[in-house]
């Protein structure tokens, strides 16, 4: 497989996953504000900008964090490479480059999704329904993923699509949990209530009864709410939410699950059946996969969940760099 074709497949999947993650995050944000009318809306938008890592870029081109400006930035701003429309446009262009390696149904579906969403703008979203727009993005992503699974041969193209999809998802889960952890822990403090210690980095914060709606919003941001409730029927507990989203090996958006899928796909690409890694990409992702496999929730929290999640984001970047150096640079 040509390196440039592998690069297109990898980034096509990353951009599709990024568009869905952004739509899901904003959709949940809207629901949360409707259910909590007294919540600080400006702070909520600020946390979303921080999750994306584009808060500085936003501040250079927009004044204030009002609803319309932030929605335009996340949904339709083509200068923002992580906006929904920009992500789908770039996914479509990458798919066009490798159209001969994709099934016709895959390209037609992606092309149709992009053209339909291009007809929307921020005024139409606010005038009609934000939920309808974000639903279209999520449904389109799910449909596309189903068509890929149903019509694509299990070749290197499919493996690079899976590598891009799961690496992007792992990074998004770590970002959402990390930023929301900082937002939510202070909210959990209640004067006079029975509390217990919660380690975050070098500082110790006292937390009490969790804000179930806020932590439920974190779970819904990655589509994990129902799966979590089935796994942990005793209710929403912050430490268990962190455990579920980081270490659960059966949920498709947990960090551990995603990194393992990246590792497996990379070993299929190289054809490596040995225990030892055959290249730098396998070594870097294999080490992260092993660290997650042999970690426990208690150990992570005792050593600082915030520090751990920041480290995961850095290492996801290292995985991406090693994949580029091993397979994609040309």
Protein backbone atom coordinates (compact mmCIF):
# COMPACT_ATOMS: atom_id res chain seq x y z
CA UNK A 1 0.00 0.00 0.00
CA UNK A 2 1.35 3.45 -0.91
CA UNK A 3 2.23 5.68 2.02
CA UNK A 4 0.08 8.56 0.76
CA UNK A 5 -2.92 6.21 0.48
CA UNK A 6 -2.35 4.95 4.01
CA UNK A 7 -2.10 8.57 5.17
CA UNK A 8 -5.45 9.40 3.53
CA UNK A 9 -7.20 6.40 5.09
CA UNK A 10 -5.78 7.19 8.53
CA UNK A 11 -6.80 10.86 8.47
CA UNK A 12 -10.17 10.19 6.84
CA UNK A 13 -11.14 8.05 9.83
CA UNK A 14 -9.71 10.53 12.35
CA UNK A 15 -11.70 13.41 10.89
CA UNK A 16 -14.95 11.42 10.82
CA UNK A 17 -14.46 10.45 14.46
CA UNK A 18 -13.58 14.04 15.36
CA UNK A 19 -16.77 15.37 13.74
CA UNK A 20 -18.91 12.91 15.69
CA UNK A 21 -17.11 13.60 18.97
CA UNK A 22 -17.61 17.34 18.55
CA UNK A 23 -21.31 16.92 17.73
CA UNK A 24 -21.85 14.61 20.68
CA UNK A 25 -20.05 16.93 23.09
CA UNK A 26 -22.05 20.03 22.08
CA UNK A 27 -25.32 18.10 22.00
CA UNK A 28 -24.78 16.92 25.57
CA UNK A 29 -23.78 20.44 26.58
CA UNK A 30 -27.14 21.76 25.38
CA UNK A 31 -29.08 19.12 27.25
CA UNK A 32 -27.08 19.85 30.38
CA UNK A 33 -27.85 23.59 30.19
CA UNK A 34 -31.56 22.89 29.70
CA UNK A 35 -31.61 20.64 32.75
CA UNK A 36 -29.50 23.07 34.79
CA UNK A 37 -30.70 26.61 33.96
CA UNK A 38 -28.64 28.10 36.82
CA UNK A 39 -25.35 26.68 35.57
CA UNK A 40 -22.62 29.03 34.38
CA UNK A 41 -23.02 29.00 30.59
CA UNK A 42 -19.84 30.95 29.89
CA UNK A 43 -17.79 28.53 31.98
CA UNK A 44 -19.41 25.61 30.17
CA UNK A 45 -18.46 26.99 26.76
CA UNK A 46 -14.95 27.67 28.08
CA UNK A 47 -14.53 24.05 29.12
CA UNK A 48 -15.56 22.89 25.65
CA UNK A 49 -12.96 25.16 24.08
CA UNK A 50 -10.36 23.74 26.45
CA UNK A 51 -11.32 20.16 25.56
CA UNK A 52 -10.72 20.94 21.90
CA UNK A 53 -7.35 22.54 22.67
CA UNK A 54 -8.33 25.47 20.45
CA UNK A 55 -9.19 28.11 23.04
CA UNK A 56 -6.30 30.35 21.98
CA UNK A 57 -7.28 30.09 18.32
CA UNK A 58 -10.85 31.01 19.23
CA UNK A 59 -9.80 34.06 21.24
CA UNK A 60 -7.75 35.41 18.33
CA UNK A 61 -10.76 35.52 16.00
CA UNK A 62 -13.82 35.91 18.22
CA UNK A 63 -14.88 38.35 20.90
CA UNK A 64 -16.60 36.78 23.89
CA UNK A 65 -17.90 33.27 24.38
CA UNK A 66 -21.53 33.70 23.39
CA UNK A 67 -23.62 30.85 22.09
CA UNK A 68 -23.68 31.88 18.43
CA UNK A 69 -19.94 32.49 18.16
CA UNK A 70 -18.95 29.23 19.85
CA UNK A 71 -21.44 27.24 17.77
CA UNK A 72 -20.10 28.74 14.56
CA UNK A 73 -16.54 27.99 15.65
CA UNK A 74 -17.27 24.35 16.47
CA UNK A 75 -19.71 23.60 13.66
CA UNK A 76 -19.04 25.69 10.55
CA UNK A 77 -15.74 27.58 10.84
CA UNK A 78 -13.58 26.22 8.00
CA UNK A 79 -10.54 27.94 9.52
CA UNK A 80 -10.96 25.66 12.54
CA UNK A 81 -9.58 22.26 11.43
CA UNK A 82 -11.61 20.56 14.16
CA UNK A 83 -15.01 22.07 13.36
CA UNK A 84 -17.67 19.61 12.22
CA UNK A 85 -17.90 20.93 8.67
CA UNK A 86 -14.13 21.29 8.33
CA UNK A 87 -13.57 17.75 9.64
CA UNK A 88 -16.10 16.28 7.21
CA UNK A 89 -14.68 18.29 4.33
CA UNK A 90 -11.18 16.99 5.04
CA UNK A 91 -12.48 13.43 5.51
CA UNK A 92 -14.23 13.70 2.12
CA UNK A 93 -11.10 14.99 0.38
CA UNK A 94 -9.02 12.17 1.84
CA UNK A 95 -11.67 9.65 0.81
CA UNK A 96 -11.71 11.10 -2.71
CA UNK A 97 -7.95 10.46 -2.98
CA UNK A 98 -8.36 6.76 -2.15
CA UNK A 99 -11.77 6.34 -3.75
CA UNK A 100 -10.56 3.28 -5.67
CA UNK A 101 -9.77 1.57 -2.35
CA UNK A 102 -13.14 2.33 -0.74
CA UNK A 103 -16.45 0.79 -1.64
CA UNK A 104 -18.67 3.10 -3.70
CA UNK A 105 -21.27 3.04 -0.91
CA UNK A 106 -18.73 4.39 1.60
CA UNK A 107 -17.79 7.36 -0.56
CA UNK A 108 -21.38 8.09 -1.55
CA UNK A 109 -22.45 8.08 2.09
CA UNK A 110 -19.64 10.41 3.18
CA UNK A 111 -20.25 12.71 0.22
CA UNK A 112 -23.99 12.87 0.97
CA UNK A 113 -23.42 13.65 4.65
CA UNK A 114 -21.04 16.49 3.83
CA UNK A 115 -23.31 18.02 1.16
CA UNK A 116 -26.36 17.85 3.43
CA UNK A 117 -24.60 19.47 6.40
CA UNK A 118 -23.05 22.13 4.16
CA UNK A 119 -26.56 23.50 3.64
CA UNK A 120 -26.78 24.38 7.34
CA UNK A 121 -25.38 27.46 9.06
CA UNK A 122 -25.37 28.68 12.64
CA UNK A 123 -28.54 30.74 12.14
CA UNK A 124 -30.44 27.71 10.86
CA UNK A 125 -29.16 25.62 13.78
CA UNK A 126 -30.38 28.19 16.32
CA UNK A 127 -33.65 28.84 14.45
CA UNK A 128 -34.63 25.19 14.06
CA UNK A 129 -33.06 22.77 16.51
CA UNK A 130 -29.43 22.21 17.55
CA UNK A 131 -30.40 18.65 18.49
CA UNK A 132 -31.57 17.91 14.94
CA UNK A 133 -28.28 19.10 13.46
CA UNK A 134 -26.11 17.18 15.90
CA UNK A 135 -28.32 14.13 15.45
CA UNK A 136 -27.64 14.26 11.71
CA UNK A 137 -23.90 14.33 12.33
CA UNK A 138 -24.01 11.41 14.77
CA UNK A 139 -26.39 9.33 12.65
CA UNK A 140 -24.29 9.98 9.56
CA UNK A 141 -21.15 8.86 11.35
CA UNK A 142 -22.83 5.69 12.61
CA UNK A 143 -24.24 4.92 9.15
CA UNK A 144 -20.85 5.42 7.55
CA UNK A 145 -19.17 3.16 10.09
CA UNK A 146 -21.77 0.46 9.46
CA UNK A 147 -21.29 0.66 5.69
CA UNK A 148 -17.52 0.42 6.16
CA UNK A 149 -17.94 -2.71 8.27
CA UNK A 150 -20.39 -4.26 5.80
CA UNK A 151 -18.79 -3.48 2.44
CA UNK A 152 -15.02 -3.15 2.95
CA UNK A 153 -12.47 -5.92 2.48
CA UNK A 154 -10.26 -6.53 5.54
CA UNK A 155 -7.16 -5.10 3.91
CA UNK A 156 -4.51 -2.58 4.98
CA UNK A 157 -6.88 0.23 4.00
CA UNK A 158 -9.41 -0.96 6.57
CA UNK A 159 -6.70 -1.35 9.19
CA UNK A 160 -5.47 2.22 8.72
CA UNK A 161 -9.07 3.42 8.96
CA UNK A 162 -9.40 1.57 12.27
CA UNK A 163 -6.08 2.95 13.56
CA UNK A 164 -7.20 6.51 12.86
CA UNK A 165 -10.67 5.99 14.30
CA UNK A 166 -9.58 4.45 17.60
CA UNK A 167 -6.59 6.70 18.20
CA UNK A 168 -8.78 9.78 17.74
CA UNK A 169 -11.43 8.31 20.05
CA UNK A 170 -8.92 7.52 22.80
CA UNK A 171 -7.58 11.07 22.68
CA UNK A 172 -11.09 12.57 22.75
CA UNK A 173 -12.14 10.47 25.75
CA UNK A 174 -9.03 11.48 27.67
CA UNK A 175 -9.57 15.17 26.86
CA UNK A 176 -13.24 15.20 27.86
CA UNK A 177 -12.65 13.38 31.14
CA UNK A 178 -9.60 15.48 32.01
CA UNK A 179 -11.23 18.88 31.43
CA UNK A 180 -14.54 17.91 33.00
CA UNK A 181 -12.69 16.52 36.02
CA UNK A 182 -11.26 19.98 36.67
CA UNK A 183 -14.71 21.53 36.17
CA UNK A 184 -16.65 19.09 38.29
CA UNK A 185 -14.47 18.41 41.32
CA UNK A 186 -15.01 21.91 42.81
CA UNK A 187 -18.75 21.54 42.21
CA UNK A 188 -18.76 18.40 44.31
CA UNK A 189 -17.53 20.22 47.42
CA UNK A 190 -20.31 20.84 49.92
CA UNK A 191 -19.69 22.64 53.19
CA UNK A 192 -20.64 20.58 56.21
CA UNK A 193 -21.21 17.34 54.32
CA UNK A 194 -19.40 14.10 54.94
CA UNK A 195 -16.49 14.01 52.54
CA UNK A 196 -13.59 11.88 51.52
CA UNK A 197 -10.26 12.67 49.94
CA UNK A 198 -9.74 12.65 46.22
CA UNK A 199 -6.19 12.95 44.93
CA UNK A 200 -5.63 15.18 41.92
CA UNK A 201 -1.96 15.70 41.09
CA UNK A 202 -0.08 16.95 44.13
CA UNK A 203 -3.10 18.63 45.73
CA UNK A 204 -5.77 16.95 47.80
CA UNK A 205 -9.37 18.03 47.22
CA UNK A 206 -12.28 17.11 49.47
CA UNK A 207 -15.37 15.97 47.58
CA UNK A 208 -18.78 14.88 48.72
CA UNK A 209 -21.97 13.55 47.15
CA UNK A 210 -21.44 13.72 43.39
CA UNK A 211 -23.45 15.94 41.06
CA UNK A 212 -25.14 13.11 39.17
CA UNK A 213 -26.32 15.29 36.29
CA UNK A 214 -22.87 16.70 35.68
CA UNK A 215 -21.11 13.32 35.76
CA UNK A 216 -23.90 11.82 33.67
CA UNK A 217 -23.16 14.53 31.10
CA UNK A 218 -19.54 13.36 31.00
CA UNK A 219 -20.69 9.81 30.29
CA UNK A 220 -23.14 10.95 27.61
CA UNK A 221 -20.41 13.00 25.94
CA UNK A 222 -18.76 9.75 24.88
CA UNK A 223 -21.97 7.71 24.54
CA UNK A 224 -21.25 5.74 27.69
CA UNK A 225 -24.18 6.52 29.99
CA UNK A 226 -26.33 3.43 29.41
CA UNK A 227 -23.35 1.08 29.27
CA UNK A 228 -22.04 2.54 32.55
CA UNK A 229 -25.40 2.14 34.33
CA UNK A 230 -25.58 -1.50 33.25
CA UNK A 231 -22.03 -2.11 34.45
CA UNK A 232 -22.32 -0.04 37.65
CA UNK A 233 -25.97 -0.24 38.74
CA UNK A 234 -25.26 1.37 42.13
CA UNK A 235 -25.27 4.83 40.52
CA UNK A 236 -22.96 7.53 39.23
CA UNK A 237 -19.79 7.59 41.33
CA UNK A 238 -16.93 9.82 40.10
CA UNK A 239 -14.17 7.28 40.70
CA UNK A 240 -16.17 4.56 38.93
CA UNK A 241 -16.90 6.88 36.01
CA UNK A 242 -13.16 7.46 35.65
CA UNK A 243 -12.48 3.73 35.96
CA UNK A 244 -15.10 2.91 33.32
CA UNK A 245 -13.93 5.49 30.77
CA UNK A 246 -10.23 4.74 31.25
CA UNK A 247 -9.88 1.00 31.94
CA UNK A 248 -13.02 -0.86 30.87
CA UNK A 249 -11.95 -3.37 28.22
CA UNK A 250 -15.44 -4.00 26.82
CA UNK A 251 -16.70 -0.48 26.10
CA UNK A 252 -15.69 0.86 22.63
CA UNK A 253 -14.94 4.40 23.82
CA UNK A 254 -12.80 3.59 26.85
CA UNK A 255 -9.15 4.56 26.51
CA UNK A 256 -7.95 1.01 27.18
CA UNK A 257 -10.25 -0.52 24.53
CA UNK A 258 -9.28 2.05 21.88
CA UNK A 259 -5.53 1.78 22.42
CA UNK A 260 -5.73 -2.01 22.30
CA UNK A 261 -7.56 -1.83 18.96
CA UNK A 262 -4.87 0.49 17.59
CA UNK A 263 -2.20 -1.98 18.74
CA UNK A 264 -3.97 -4.95 17.16
CA UNK A 265 -4.51 -3.14 13.85
CA UNK A 266 -0.87 -2.03 13.66
CA UNK A 267 0.32 -5.61 14.22
CA UNK A 268 -1.99 -6.78 11.41
CA UNK A 269 -0.52 -4.13 9.11
CA UNK A 270 3.06 -5.27 9.79
CA UNK A 271 2.11 -8.95 9.88
CA UNK A 272 3.93 -9.31 13.18
CA UNK A 273 2.93 -12.48 15.01
CA UNK A 274 5.77 -12.32 17.53
CA UNK A 275 5.55 -10.98 21.06
CA UNK A 276 8.22 -8.33 20.46
CA UNK A 277 7.34 -5.21 18.43
CA UNK A 278 8.65 -5.07 14.87
CA UNK A 279 8.83 -1.27 14.53
CA UNK A 280 8.67 1.98 16.50
CA UNK A 281 4.90 2.40 16.11
CA UNK A 282 4.24 -1.02 17.64
CA UNK A 283 6.70 -0.34 20.45
CA UNK A 284 5.12 2.98 21.46
CA UNK A 285 1.49 1.86 21.28
CA UNK A 286 2.35 -1.55 22.81
CA UNK A 287 3.89 0.10 25.85
CA UNK A 288 0.80 2.27 26.37
CA UNK A 289 -1.45 -0.74 25.85
CA UNK A 290 0.49 -2.71 28.48
CA UNK A 291 0.47 0.17 30.96
CA UNK A 292 -3.32 0.40 30.68
CA UNK A 293 -3.75 -3.36 30.96
CA UNK A 294 -1.74 -3.52 34.18
CA UNK A 295 -3.13 -0.35 35.79
CA UNK A 296 -5.88 -0.20 38.39
CA UNK A 297 -8.33 2.59 39.12
CA UNK A 298 -7.06 2.94 42.69
CA UNK A 299 -3.47 3.25 41.54
CA UNK A 300 -4.38 5.88 38.94
CA UNK A 301 -6.42 7.97 41.37
CA UNK A 302 -3.82 7.70 44.14
CA UNK A 303 -1.12 8.97 41.78
CA UNK A 304 -3.35 11.72 40.35
CA UNK A 305 -6.06 11.18 37.73
CA UNK A 306 -5.46 14.58 36.13
CA UNK A 307 -1.74 13.85 35.67
CA UNK A 308 -2.54 10.40 34.31
CA UNK A 309 -4.99 11.75 31.71
CA UNK A 310 -2.55 14.43 30.60
CA UNK A 311 0.09 11.73 30.19
CA UNK A 312 -2.33 9.64 28.09
CA UNK A 313 -2.95 12.61 25.78
CA UNK A 314 0.79 13.17 25.37
CA UNK A 315 1.35 9.48 24.65
CA UNK A 316 -1.51 9.40 22.13
CA UNK A 317 0.36 12.17 20.35
CA UNK A 318 3.53 10.08 20.48
CA UNK A 319 1.64 7.13 19.01
CA UNK A 320 0.42 9.33 16.17
CA UNK A 321 3.95 10.63 15.54
CA UNK A 322 5.40 7.12 15.51
CA UNK A 323 2.71 5.94 13.07
CA UNK A 324 3.52 8.86 10.79
CA UNK A 325 7.26 8.19 10.92
CA UNK A 326 6.83 4.43 10.38
CA UNK A 327 4.12 4.34 7.73
CA UNK A 328 2.85 7.71 6.54
CA UNK A 329 5.80 10.03 5.84
CA UNK A 330 6.55 10.39 2.14
